[in-house]
Amino acid sequence: MARNDALNWPDGAKMIGVLVAASILLQHGTWGQQVKVEGEVLSYPGQTVNLRCSFPDVTGVQLTMVSWLYEPKDGTRQNIAVLHPNHDPSYPDSPLKGRVSFTQNPPSLSSPSIQITGVQLTDEGKYICEYATYPGGNQQGITQLVMLAKPQNSATSVTVLAGAQPVVVARCTSANGRPPATIKWVTTADGNATMVSRAGSDNTVTVTSEYSLAPKSSDNGKDISCLVDHRTQAKTESIPLKLAVQYAPEVRIEGYDNNWYIGRTNAVLICQANGNPIPTSVTWKAVAGEMPDTVQITQNELRVLKVDESVNTTFVCEVKNGIGTSKELVAVFVREPSPDPSNAGVVAGAVIGSLLALLLVAALVAVLVTRSRRQQQGYRANGGSDMKTRIFGAGKKASKNGTGGGAGSGGIAGGNNNGPIYVYNESASHQGLGEKNNHHQPLTVGGRPEVGAVTPTAQDILLSSELDEAERRKFDEMDERYDHFPGGSSILQLRPHDQGDMIGDYLDDDMESQRDGSVISRTAVYV
């Protein structure tokens, strides 16, 4: 029944019970143990160690005897000290005889602590304080004596030859330590570590770790550190190293820019070489045989005082060290002389100046062409004639001013809109009829100037800079429509003329009879 109740305890109660039981076991070693001891004692070789033991509560218990036992790590238990109230302390034969004794004099059963002088590493192990009691029987407490030995830590790099097979490149040792040390490696090299331990005759341990890799020339000089952790050290001990990889020289030639032209001076080649051990000699050679006369050699430098055809060869740099010999070559191609920079500048300046001049000329031509087109636009006429005829009829304007006249007199009568003829010749030295009607004269009606009327001519209008292209196009379109206009209202018309007797032929062909008996001009301008 009690068992079932125990099984039904809440989980929290179960956990508390387990923790209490575990603490009792850790403190006393067994259920109901009343022996008080220290769980662990640390000591270095040569020191004196005190191992405490007591039985604080003797209520209802009769203490009859106390025994101290020693149990090595690899061995059996053996008595090292015995205390009986009716007898003197006894120290049986053991590895500790002569170095072990009770601390109190006379010793007491309630506090039978002991001390060990001149402890050795071999003294490490378990020490049991065991009471013989009545009626409880034997009860004991166990103390673990831990012997410490600070190790001697060291590390070295191993000089190796570059190769494809992994070899040991660094070794780290933590010697004669107790307990064993822990070793780690820190490096950028790509390798692996191994660790081995070896026990000493005095119960110490030596730990050795080796770092291995397939060494390359690029690994030479890389940093690698051995890190040692031990219980006797306040912090990790770091031992820095550098890898030592030996390799034959690695050679490269610098300075050739593929622009060695005839006449160039002080062209230089530098032979750079790395190696371990350091290269001992540098030799320049020419594949063609003898070195050109213009070449000077100073250690790893080859200088060409003046480039000529003899330098058109292959130069070889050969470097030696204790491991081997390596070489590098460069093929020199001699070019034609490069253009004179000053001439190039002159040519470039001339080209740029020519382009600018062409652009300026083009701009001037464009301006002149535009201005010429504006001046030459007007009514359409046949090409080749300088004559421009403007004939304006002033019928409407005359009628507004109250001025009239017969058809024969050139006035405006009824539906007859005949007006004066205005002729302007830009190139002729004299005008004929146009002399009386140049474009500077006012508009006339019936041969007389109209009162108060100063009318600009067609040329003034067409040659004016105020008339833009859009207005000119509208004017031309209106001219074409009026050429075919059938009505009898006011008309603006420009009629081309032929070469020859311009004035006479023009007037003879110009007049046209109308149905009402009047005669009007075909090229008259009716307003």
Protein backbone atom coordinates (compact mmCIF):
# COMPACT_ATOMS: atom_id res chain seq x y z
CA MET A 1 0.00 0.00 0.00
CA ALA A 2 2.81 2.31 0.91
CA ARG A 3 4.44 1.51 -2.40
CA ASN A 4 1.36 2.51 -4.32
CA ASP A 5 1.20 5.76 -2.40
CA ALA A 6 4.77 6.45 -3.30
CA LEU A 7 4.06 5.81 -6.95
CA ASN A 8 1.21 8.27 -6.82
CA TRP A 9 3.37 11.13 -5.47
CA PRO A 10 3.35 14.25 -7.57
CA ASP A 11 6.28 14.61 -9.95
CA GLY A 12 7.62 17.60 -7.96
CA ALA A 13 7.74 15.56 -4.73
CA LYS A 14 9.50 12.73 -6.54
CA MET A 15 12.12 15.12 -7.89
CA ILE A 16 12.75 16.65 -4.45
CA GLY A 17 13.18 13.18 -2.97
CA VAL A 18 15.68 12.23 -5.67
CA LEU A 19 17.70 15.40 -5.14
CA VAL A 20 17.83 14.91 -1.37
CA ALA A 21 18.95 11.32 -1.77
CA ALA A 22 21.62 12.32 -4.27
CA SER A 23 22.97 15.01 -1.95
CA ILE A 24 23.17 12.52 0.94
CA LEU A 25 25.01 10.03 -1.25
CA LEU A 26 27.48 12.66 -2.43
CA GLN A 27 28.15 13.85 1.08
CA HIS A 28 28.31 10.57 2.96
CA GLY A 29 28.70 7.92 0.32
CA THR A 30 25.95 5.68 1.73
CA TRP A 31 22.47 6.00 3.22
CA GLY A 32 22.60 7.15 6.81
CA GLN A 33 26.32 7.97 6.72
CA GLN A 34 27.41 10.40 9.40
CA VAL A 35 31.14 10.56 8.60
CA LYS A 36 32.21 14.04 7.50
CA VAL A 37 35.14 14.33 5.04
CA GLU A 38 36.29 16.60 2.14
CA GLY A 39 35.41 15.30 -1.28
CA GLU A 40 38.65 16.43 -3.03
CA VAL A 41 42.02 17.74 -1.95
CA LEU A 42 44.61 19.19 -4.34
CA SER A 43 48.31 19.15 -3.69
CA TYR A 44 51.67 19.55 -5.39
CA PRO A 45 54.60 17.21 -4.85
CA GLY A 46 56.61 17.94 -1.67
CA GLN A 47 53.77 19.58 0.22
CA THR A 48 52.03 18.43 3.44
CA VAL A 49 48.41 17.40 3.00
CA ASN A 50 45.74 17.39 5.73
CA LEU A 51 42.89 14.90 5.32
CA ARG A 52 40.02 15.79 7.65
CA CYS A 53 37.51 13.34 9.12
CA SER A 54 34.89 13.60 11.92
CA PHE A 55 31.82 11.94 13.38
CA PRO A 56 29.89 14.94 14.73
CA ASP A 57 26.73 13.23 16.00
CA VAL A 58 27.36 10.24 18.26
CA THR A 59 23.85 10.15 19.72
CA GLY A 60 22.83 6.50 20.13
CA VAL A 61 26.06 5.36 18.48
CA GLN A 62 29.06 3.79 20.07
CA LEU A 63 32.37 4.50 18.25
CA THR A 64 34.78 1.64 18.63
CA MET A 65 37.59 2.23 16.14
CA VAL A 66 38.76 4.41 13.20
CA SER A 67 40.81 3.21 10.24
CA TRP A 68 42.32 5.15 7.32
CA LEU A 69 42.68 3.25 4.08
CA TYR A 70 44.52 4.20 0.85
CA GLU A 71 43.28 3.02 -2.57
CA PRO A 72 45.56 3.90 -5.52
CA LYS A 73 44.07 4.58 -8.95
CA ASP A 74 45.22 1.20 -10.15
CA GLY A 75 45.52 -1.01 -7.06
CA THR A 76 43.84 -2.40 -3.93
CA ARG A 77 42.99 -0.83 -0.59
CA GLN A 78 45.46 -0.97 2.28
CA ASN A 79 45.45 0.38 5.85
CA ILE A 80 47.71 3.31 6.49
CA ALA A 81 46.54 4.41 10.02
CA VAL A 82 44.40 2.82 12.78
CA LEU A 83 43.06 4.41 16.00
CA HIS A 84 41.60 2.46 18.92
CA PRO A 85 40.71 4.14 22.19
CA ASN A 86 42.40 1.46 24.24
CA HIS A 87 45.59 1.35 22.18
CA ASP A 88 48.19 3.64 20.66
CA PRO A 89 47.80 4.71 17.02
CA SER A 90 48.98 2.12 14.56
CA TYR A 91 50.56 2.77 11.14
CA PRO A 92 50.69 -0.47 9.14
CA ASP A 93 53.20 -0.99 6.35
CA SER A 94 52.29 0.97 3.28
CA PRO A 95 53.84 3.36 0.72
CA LEU A 96 53.00 6.20 3.13
CA LYS A 97 54.49 4.70 6.31
CA GLY A 98 56.69 7.25 8.04
CA ARG A 99 54.93 10.17 6.28
CA VAL A 100 51.39 9.68 7.63
CA SER A 101 50.18 10.53 11.18
CA PHE A 102 47.13 11.70 13.11
CA THR A 103 46.97 15.46 13.43
CA GLN A 104 45.84 15.53 17.10
CA ASN A 105 47.99 14.31 19.94
CA PRO A 106 46.48 12.37 21.49
CA PRO A 107 44.07 11.62 18.64
CA SER A 108 40.32 11.50 19.18
CA LEU A 109 37.72 9.12 17.74
CA SER A 110 35.37 12.00 17.06
CA SER A 111 37.97 13.83 14.92
CA PRO A 112 40.64 11.41 13.62
CA SER A 113 42.15 13.65 10.86
CA ILE A 114 45.54 12.69 9.41
CA GLN A 115 48.36 14.46 7.56
CA ILE A 116 50.79 13.28 4.90
CA THR A 117 54.16 14.98 4.60
CA GLY A 118 56.33 15.13 1.47
CA VAL A 119 53.49 13.99 -0.76
CA GLN A 120 54.44 12.44 -4.04
CA LEU A 121 52.65 12.13 -7.33
CA THR A 122 52.26 8.43 -6.60
CA ASP A 123 50.26 9.30 -3.45
CA GLU A 124 47.30 10.31 -5.61
CA GLY A 125 44.19 8.21 -5.08
CA LYS A 126 41.28 7.64 -2.70
CA TYR A 127 41.64 8.02 1.10
CA ILE A 128 38.83 6.39 3.15
CA CYS A 129 38.04 7.34 6.74
CA GLU A 130 36.12 4.34 8.11
CA TYR A 131 34.38 4.13 11.53
CA ALA A 132 33.50 0.88 13.32
CA THR A 133 30.31 1.66 15.27
CA TYR A 134 27.78 -0.13 17.36
CA PRO A 135 25.06 -0.97 16.59
CA GLY A 136 25.27 0.62 13.08
CA GLY A 137 28.38 -1.18 11.93
CA ASN A 138 31.02 0.37 9.70
CA GLN A 139 30.49 3.87 8.20
CA GLN A 140 32.94 5.72 5.98
CA GLY A 141 33.75 8.84 4.07
CA ILE A 142 36.01 9.10 0.98
CA THR A 143 38.44 11.91 0.04
CA GLN A 144 40.03 12.09 -3.45
CA LEU A 145 43.62 13.28 -3.31
CA VAL A 146 44.54 14.88 -6.63
CA MET A 147 48.22 15.46 -7.20
CA LEU A 148 49.05 18.34 -9.53
CA ALA A 149 52.20 18.74 -11.55
CA LYS A 150 52.63 21.81 -13.70
CA PRO A 151 53.85 20.64 -17.10
CA GLN A 152 56.72 22.03 -19.12
CA ASN A 153 55.25 23.28 -22.41
CA SER A 154 57.26 23.72 -25.59
CA ALA A 155 56.72 23.84 -29.36
CA THR A 156 58.90 23.85 -32.45
CA SER A 157 58.39 24.04 -36.18
CA VAL A 158 59.85 21.31 -38.36
CA THR A 159 61.76 22.33 -41.48
CA VAL A 160 60.44 20.36 -44.44
CA LEU A 161 60.74 20.32 -48.23
CA ALA A 162 57.80 21.36 -50.35
CA GLY A 163 56.00 18.31 -51.66
CA ALA A 164 52.70 16.59 -52.27
CA GLN A 165 52.82 14.16 -49.32
CA PRO A 166 51.70 15.20 -45.79
CA VAL A 167 54.55 15.57 -43.31
CA VAL A 168 54.86 16.89 -39.75
CA VAL A 169 55.54 20.62 -39.90
CA ALA A 170 55.11 21.53 -36.20
CA ARG A 171 55.28 19.74 -32.88
CA CYS A 172 54.02 20.82 -29.42
CA THR A 173 54.76 19.05 -26.10
CA SER A 174 53.34 19.40 -22.58
CA ALA A 175 55.73 17.28 -20.50
CA ASN A 176 55.43 15.81 -16.99
CA GLY A 177 52.06 17.24 -16.15
CA ARG A 178 49.44 16.00 -13.79
CA PRO A 179 46.67 15.63 -14.88
CA PRO A 180 47.30 15.41 -18.66
CA ALA A 181 47.25 18.69 -20.59
CA THR A 182 45.07 19.51 -23.61
CA ILE A 183 46.70 20.84 -26.81
CA LYS A 184 45.12 22.69 -29.74
CA TRP A 185 46.49 24.38 -32.89
CA VAL A 186 45.60 27.72 -34.49
CA THR A 187 46.81 28.42 -38.04
CA THR A 188 45.65 29.37 -41.54
CA ALA A 189 47.57 26.45 -43.04
CA ASP A 190 45.47 23.56 -44.28
CA GLY A 191 46.52 20.53 -42.22
CA ASN A 192 45.56 18.11 -39.45
CA ALA A 193 46.66 17.55 -35.83
CA THR A 194 47.28 14.36 -33.88
CA MET A 195 47.86 13.95 -30.12
CA VAL A 196 49.46 11.18 -28.05
CA SER A 197 49.99 10.78 -24.26
CA ARG A 198 52.78 8.97 -22.44
CA ALA A 199 52.79 8.19 -18.71
CA GLY A 200 55.93 8.85 -16.70
CA SER A 201 57.48 6.75 -13.93
CA ASP A 202 56.49 9.36 -11.34
CA ASN A 203 52.84 9.25 -12.30
CA THR A 204 53.05 12.28 -14.56
CA VAL A 205 51.83 12.43 -18.16
CA THR A 206 53.53 13.88 -21.22
CA VAL A 207 51.24 14.95 -24.05
CA THR A 208 52.60 15.53 -27.56
CA SER A 209 50.67 16.95 -30.52
CA GLU A 210 51.91 17.10 -34.13
CA TYR A 211 50.56 19.20 -37.00
CA SER A 212 50.88 17.72 -40.52
CA LEU A 213 50.21 19.00 -44.03
CA ALA A 214 51.38 18.67 -47.64
CA PRO A 215 53.75 21.66 -47.62
CA LYS A 216 53.71 24.26 -50.40
CA SER A 217 56.02 27.17 -50.97
CA SER A 218 53.16 29.50 -50.02
CA ASP A 219 53.05 27.85 -46.57
CA ASN A 220 56.56 29.01 -45.75
CA GLY A 221 56.48 31.63 -43.02
CA LYS A 222 52.82 31.16 -42.13
CA ASP A 223 51.87 31.63 -38.49
CA ILE A 224 50.93 28.64 -36.37
CA SER A 225 50.35 28.61 -32.60
CA CYS A 226 50.21 25.80 -30.06
CA LEU A 227 47.61 26.32 -27.29
CA VAL A 228 48.08 24.38 -24.04
CA ASP A 229 45.41 24.12 -21.32
CA HIS A 230 46.19 22.62 -17.92
CA ARG A 231 44.62 22.62 -14.49
CA THR A 232 47.65 24.24 -12.93
CA GLN A 233 47.52 27.21 -15.35
CA ALA A 234 45.39 30.28 -14.74
CA LYS A 235 44.93 30.73 -18.51
CA THR A 236 45.76 29.03 -21.79
CA GLU A 237 49.41 29.18 -22.75
CA SER A 238 50.03 30.10 -26.40
CA ILE A 239 53.31 29.30 -28.14
CA PRO A 240 53.63 31.08 -31.55
CA LEU A 241 55.61 29.53 -34.41
CA LYS A 242 56.22 30.04 -38.12
CA LEU A 243 56.20 27.22 -40.64
CA ALA A 244 59.50 26.51 -42.38
CA VAL A 245 59.09 25.04 -45.89
CA GLN A 246 62.14 24.82 -48.12
CA TYR A 247 61.72 25.07 -51.90
CA ALA A 248 63.70 25.85 -55.02
CA PRO A 249 63.72 29.48 -56.24
CA GLU A 250 60.59 30.86 -57.84
CA VAL A 251 61.68 33.35 -60.53
CA ARG A 252 59.84 36.11 -62.38
CA ILE A 253 61.13 38.88 -64.67
CA GLU A 254 59.63 42.36 -64.37
CA GLY A 255 60.01 45.51 -66.46
CA TYR A 256 59.20 44.46 -70.01
CA ASP A 257 56.26 46.55 -71.26
CA ASN A 258 56.20 45.29 -74.89
CA ASN A 259 57.20 48.75 -76.07
CA TRP A 260 60.93 48.46 -76.72
CA TYR A 261 61.49 50.54 -79.85
CA ILE A 262 64.69 51.41 -81.65
CA GLY A 263 66.38 54.30 -79.95
CA ARG A 264 64.75 53.84 -76.56
CA THR A 265 67.20 54.34 -73.70
CA ASN A 266 67.56 52.80 -70.25
CA ALA A 267 65.18 49.89 -70.72
CA VAL A 268 65.40 47.73 -67.58
CA LEU A 269 64.56 44.12 -66.67
CA ILE A 270 64.46 43.04 -63.00
CA CYS A 271 64.85 39.38 -62.01
CA GLN A 272 62.81 38.74 -58.85
CA ALA A 273 63.31 35.43 -57.02
CA ASN A 274 61.96 33.89 -53.82
CA GLY A 275 63.27 30.75 -52.22
CA ASN A 276 64.02 28.97 -48.96
CA PRO A 277 66.91 29.00 -48.34
CA ILE A 278 67.64 32.43 -49.78
CA PRO A 279 68.95 32.32 -53.39
CA THR A 280 72.71 32.50 -53.61
CA SER A 281 73.27 33.50 -57.25
CA VAL A 282 71.49 35.25 -60.15
CA THR A 283 72.74 34.83 -63.75
CA TRP A 284 71.54 36.60 -66.93
CA LYS A 285 71.91 34.95 -70.33
CA ALA A 286 70.85 35.59 -73.92
CA VAL A 287 69.39 32.71 -75.89
CA ALA A 288 71.00 34.00 -79.08
CA GLY A 289 74.44 33.60 -77.54
CA GLU A 290 76.51 36.60 -76.58
CA MET A 291 74.93 39.40 -74.61
CA PRO A 292 74.37 42.58 -76.73
CA ASP A 293 76.98 45.32 -76.33
CA THR A 294 74.42 47.85 -75.12
CA VAL A 295 73.45 45.68 -72.12
CA GLN A 296 74.73 46.28 -68.59
CA ILE A 297 74.11 43.73 -65.77
CA THR A 298 74.17 44.59 -62.08
CA GLN A 299 73.19 41.68 -59.82
CA ASN A 300 69.52 40.97 -60.66
CA GLU A 301 69.15 44.02 -62.98
CA LEU A 302 69.63 43.98 -66.75
CA ARG A 303 69.78 47.47 -68.28
CA VAL A 304 69.75 48.23 -72.01
CA LEU A 305 71.46 51.58 -72.54
CA LYS A 306 70.00 52.01 -76.03
CA VAL A 307 67.65 49.63 -77.80
CA ASP A 308 68.73 48.41 -81.23
CA GLU A 309 68.25 45.32 -83.38
CA SER A 310 70.72 43.30 -81.30
CA VAL A 311 68.32 43.48 -78.34
CA ASN A 312 65.69 41.64 -80.37
CA THR A 313 66.32 38.37 -78.48
CA THR A 314 65.24 36.29 -75.48
CA PHE A 315 66.79 36.99 -72.09
CA VAL A 316 67.04 34.28 -69.41
CA CYS A 317 67.39 34.80 -65.65
CA GLU A 318 68.75 31.76 -63.76
CA VAL A 319 68.63 31.63 -59.93
CA LYS A 320 70.17 29.06 -57.56
CA ASN A 321 69.79 28.18 -53.88
CA GLY A 322 70.58 25.20 -51.66
CA ILE A 323 67.57 23.26 -52.91
CA GLY A 324 67.90 23.69 -56.67
CA THR A 325 68.03 25.95 -59.72
CA SER A 326 65.16 27.75 -61.43
CA LYS A 327 64.98 30.10 -64.39
CA GLU A 328 62.60 32.41 -66.22
CA LEU A 329 62.81 33.98 -69.69
CA VAL A 330 61.32 36.93 -71.55
CA ALA A 331 61.23 37.39 -75.33
CA VAL A 332 61.96 41.00 -76.36
CA PHE A 333 60.42 42.28 -79.59
CA VAL A 334 62.07 45.47 -80.88
CA ARG A 335 59.63 47.85 -82.60
CA GLU A 336 60.01 50.78 -84.95
CA PRO A 337 60.53 54.18 -83.31
CA SER A 338 57.40 55.64 -81.86
CA PRO A 339 56.03 58.91 -83.31
CA ASP A 340 57.43 62.14 -81.93
CA PRO A 341 54.95 63.34 -79.32
CA SER A 342 55.52 66.99 -80.39
CA ASN A 343 54.65 66.20 -84.06
CA ALA A 344 51.64 64.26 -82.89
CA GLY A 345 50.51 67.33 -80.98
CA VAL A 346 50.95 69.55 -84.02
CA VAL A 347 48.98 67.14 -86.23
CA ALA A 348 46.23 66.89 -83.66
CA GLY A 349 46.10 70.70 -83.40
CA ALA A 350 45.90 71.06 -87.16
CA VAL A 351 43.08 68.53 -87.43
CA ILE A 352 41.10 70.22 -84.69
CA GLY A 353 41.69 73.68 -86.24
CA SER A 354 40.52 72.43 -89.64
CA LEU A 355 37.36 71.00 -88.16
CA LEU A 356 36.61 74.25 -86.39
CA ALA A 357 37.21 76.23 -89.60
CA LEU A 358 34.87 73.94 -91.54
CA LEU A 359 32.20 74.36 -88.91
CA LEU A 360 32.58 78.17 -89.07
CA VAL A 361 32.37 78.21 -92.87
CA ALA A 362 29.30 75.97 -92.80
CA ALA A 363 27.63 78.29 -90.33
CA LEU A 364 28.38 81.36 -92.47
CA VAL A 365 27.06 79.65 -95.62
CA ALA A 366 23.88 78.67 -93.80
CA VAL A 367 23.34 82.27 -92.67
CA LEU A 368 23.96 83.69 -96.17
CA VAL A 369 21.68 81.13 -97.83
CA THR A 370 18.89 81.88 -95.39
CA ARG A 371 19.20 85.64 -95.90
CA SER A 372 19.33 85.23 -99.71
CA ARG A 373 16.17 83.13 -99.69
CA ARG A 374 14.36 85.75 -97.68
CA GLN A 375 15.41 88.53 -100.06
CA GLN A 376 14.54 86.62 -103.24
CA GLN A 377 11.10 85.36 -102.22
CA GLY A 378 8.11 87.11 -103.74
CA TYR A 379 5.52 86.37 -106.32
CA ARG A 380 6.38 83.50 -108.61
CA ALA A 381 7.83 84.46 -111.96
CA ASN A 382 9.77 82.80 -114.76
CA GLY A 383 13.46 82.19 -114.02
CA GLY A 384 15.94 84.45 -115.86
CA SER A 385 13.93 87.72 -115.75
CA ASP A 386 14.66 90.49 -113.30
CA MET A 387 11.36 92.13 -114.02
CA LYS A 388 8.85 91.99 -111.18
CA THR A 389 5.46 93.45 -112.04
CA ARG A 390 3.04 94.62 -109.39
CA ILE A 391 -0.25 95.98 -110.64
CA PHE A 392 -2.52 97.30 -107.98
CA GLY A 393 -6.17 98.23 -108.57
CA ALA A 394 -7.51 100.83 -106.21
CA GLY A 395 -11.21 100.63 -107.01
CA LYS A 396 -12.46 99.95 -103.57
CA LYS A 397 -10.12 102.35 -101.94
CA ALA A 398 -11.00 105.07 -104.52
CA SER A 399 -14.67 104.53 -104.03
CA LYS A 400 -14.24 104.91 -100.31
CA ASN A 401 -12.50 108.20 -100.86
CA GLY A 402 -15.12 109.39 -103.25
CA THR A 403 -12.84 109.39 -106.28
CA GLY A 404 -14.00 107.97 -109.62
CA GLY A 405 -13.33 108.16 -113.29
CA GLY A 406 -13.99 106.58 -116.64
CA ALA A 407 -12.43 103.44 -117.87
CA GLY A 408 -10.48 105.30 -120.45
CA SER A 409 -8.92 107.62 -117.92
CA GLY A 410 -7.85 104.84 -115.68
CA GLY A 411 -10.41 105.68 -112.99
CA ILE A 412 -12.86 103.28 -111.37
CA ALA A 413 -16.28 103.18 -113.01
CA GLY A 414 -19.04 100.91 -111.84
CA GLY A 415 -17.91 97.32 -112.04
CA ASN A 416 -14.74 98.18 -113.85
CA ASN A 417 -11.95 97.71 -111.33
CA ASN A 418 -9.13 98.60 -113.70
CA GLY A 419 -6.37 100.51 -111.88
CA PRO A 420 -2.97 101.89 -112.65
CA ILE A 421 -0.13 99.70 -113.65
CA TYR A 422 2.91 99.56 -111.35
CA VAL A 423 6.08 98.24 -112.88
CA TYR A 424 9.37 97.79 -110.99
CA ASN A 425 12.56 96.56 -112.56
CA GLU A 426 15.35 95.86 -110.06
CA SER A 427 18.12 95.58 -112.66
CA ALA A 428 17.28 98.08 -115.40
CA SER A 429 19.01 101.44 -115.52
CA HIS A 430 15.72 103.15 -116.49
CA GLN A 431 12.17 102.12 -115.83
CA GLY A 432 10.00 103.10 -118.73
CA LEU A 433 6.51 103.13 -117.37
CA GLY A 434 7.87 101.92 -114.09
CA GLU A 435 9.89 105.15 -113.76
CA LYS A 436 6.75 106.89 -112.79
CA ASN A 437 5.68 104.22 -110.41
CA ASN A 438 8.65 103.01 -108.43
CA HIS A 439 8.15 101.35 -105.11
CA HIS A 440 8.91 104.55 -103.28
CA GLN A 441 5.88 106.35 -104.77
CA PRO A 442 2.49 106.40 -103.08
CA LEU A 443 -0.49 104.51 -104.47
CA THR A 444 -2.22 106.43 -107.36
CA VAL A 445 -5.77 106.49 -108.60
CA GLY A 446 -6.25 107.57 -112.20
CA GLY A 447 -2.65 108.71 -112.45
CA ARG A 448 -2.88 110.85 -109.32
CA PRO A 449 -1.66 110.03 -105.89
CA GLU A 450 -4.39 109.10 -103.54
CA VAL A 451 -4.84 111.63 -100.85
CA GLY A 452 -3.35 110.54 -97.53
CA ALA A 453 -2.46 107.11 -98.84
CA VAL A 454 1.13 105.89 -98.69
CA THR A 455 0.88 102.23 -99.52
CA PRO A 456 3.89 99.89 -99.37
CA THR A 457 4.64 98.02 -102.55
CA ALA A 458 4.51 94.27 -102.98
CA GLN A 459 8.29 94.20 -102.95
CA ASP A 460 8.33 96.04 -99.67
CA ILE A 461 6.02 93.48 -98.24
CA LEU A 462 7.75 90.44 -99.71
CA LEU A 463 11.30 91.63 -98.96
CA SER A 464 10.46 92.75 -95.47
CA SER A 465 12.20 90.79 -92.74
CA GLU A 466 8.96 90.85 -90.79
CA LEU A 467 7.35 88.38 -93.19
CA ASP A 468 8.22 84.84 -91.98
CA GLU A 469 8.12 81.61 -93.99
CA ALA A 470 4.59 80.67 -92.92
CA GLU A 471 3.21 84.01 -94.12
CA ARG A 472 5.07 83.69 -97.43
CA ARG A 473 3.59 80.26 -98.06
CA LYS A 474 0.10 81.59 -97.36
CA PHE A 475 0.75 84.46 -99.83
CA ASP A 476 1.86 82.03 -102.57
CA GLU A 477 -1.17 79.80 -102.03
CA MET A 478 -3.49 82.81 -102.27
CA ASP A 479 -1.78 83.82 -105.55
CA GLU A 480 -2.44 80.40 -107.07
CA ARG A 481 -6.11 80.45 -106.04
CA TYR A 482 -6.64 83.91 -107.47
CA ASP A 483 -5.10 82.88 -110.81
CA HIS A 484 -8.17 80.68 -111.39
CA PHE A 485 -10.75 82.84 -109.66
CA PRO A 486 -13.73 83.26 -112.16
CA GLY A 487 -15.64 86.02 -110.41
CA GLY A 488 -15.67 89.72 -111.03
CA SER A 489 -14.68 90.90 -107.58
CA SER A 490 -11.35 92.35 -106.55
CA ILE A 491 -8.41 90.15 -107.54
CA LEU A 492 -4.71 90.13 -106.71
CA GLN A 493 -2.80 88.50 -109.56
CA LEU A 494 0.79 88.22 -110.69
CA ARG A 495 1.37 87.24 -114.29
CA PRO A 496 4.73 86.21 -115.64
CA HIS A 497 6.16 87.88 -118.71
CA ASP A 498 8.50 86.92 -121.49
CA GLN A 499 11.82 88.32 -122.55
CA GLY A 500 12.01 90.97 -125.31
CA ASP A 501 9.83 94.04 -125.63
CA MET A 502 8.65 93.59 -122.15
CA ILE A 503 6.52 96.69 -121.70
CA GLY A 504 4.77 96.76 -125.08
CA ASP A 505 4.09 93.05 -125.37
CA TYR A 506 3.00 92.91 -121.84
CA LEU A 507 0.41 95.72 -122.22
CA ASP A 508 -0.91 94.39 -125.55
CA ASP A 509 -1.52 90.94 -124.15
CA ASP A 510 -2.65 92.15 -120.83
CA MET A 511 -6.00 93.80 -121.66
CA GLU A 512 -9.19 91.78 -121.91
CA SER A 513 -12.72 92.79 -122.96
CA GLN A 514 -15.59 92.23 -120.57
CA ARG A 515 -19.34 91.56 -121.23
CA ASP A 516 -20.34 95.00 -120.08
CA GLY A 517 -18.06 96.54 -122.72
CA SER A 518 -15.23 97.47 -120.43
CA VAL A 519 -11.62 96.46 -120.84
CA ILE A 520 -9.55 95.32 -117.90
CA SER A 521 -6.06 94.08 -117.40
CA ARG A 522 -5.35 90.38 -116.88
CA THR A 523 -2.66 91.22 -114.34
CA ALA A 524 -4.48 94.03 -112.62
CA VAL A 525 -4.65 94.02 -108.89
CA TYR A 526 -8.18 94.63 -107.65
CA VAL A 527 -8.64 95.78 -104.10
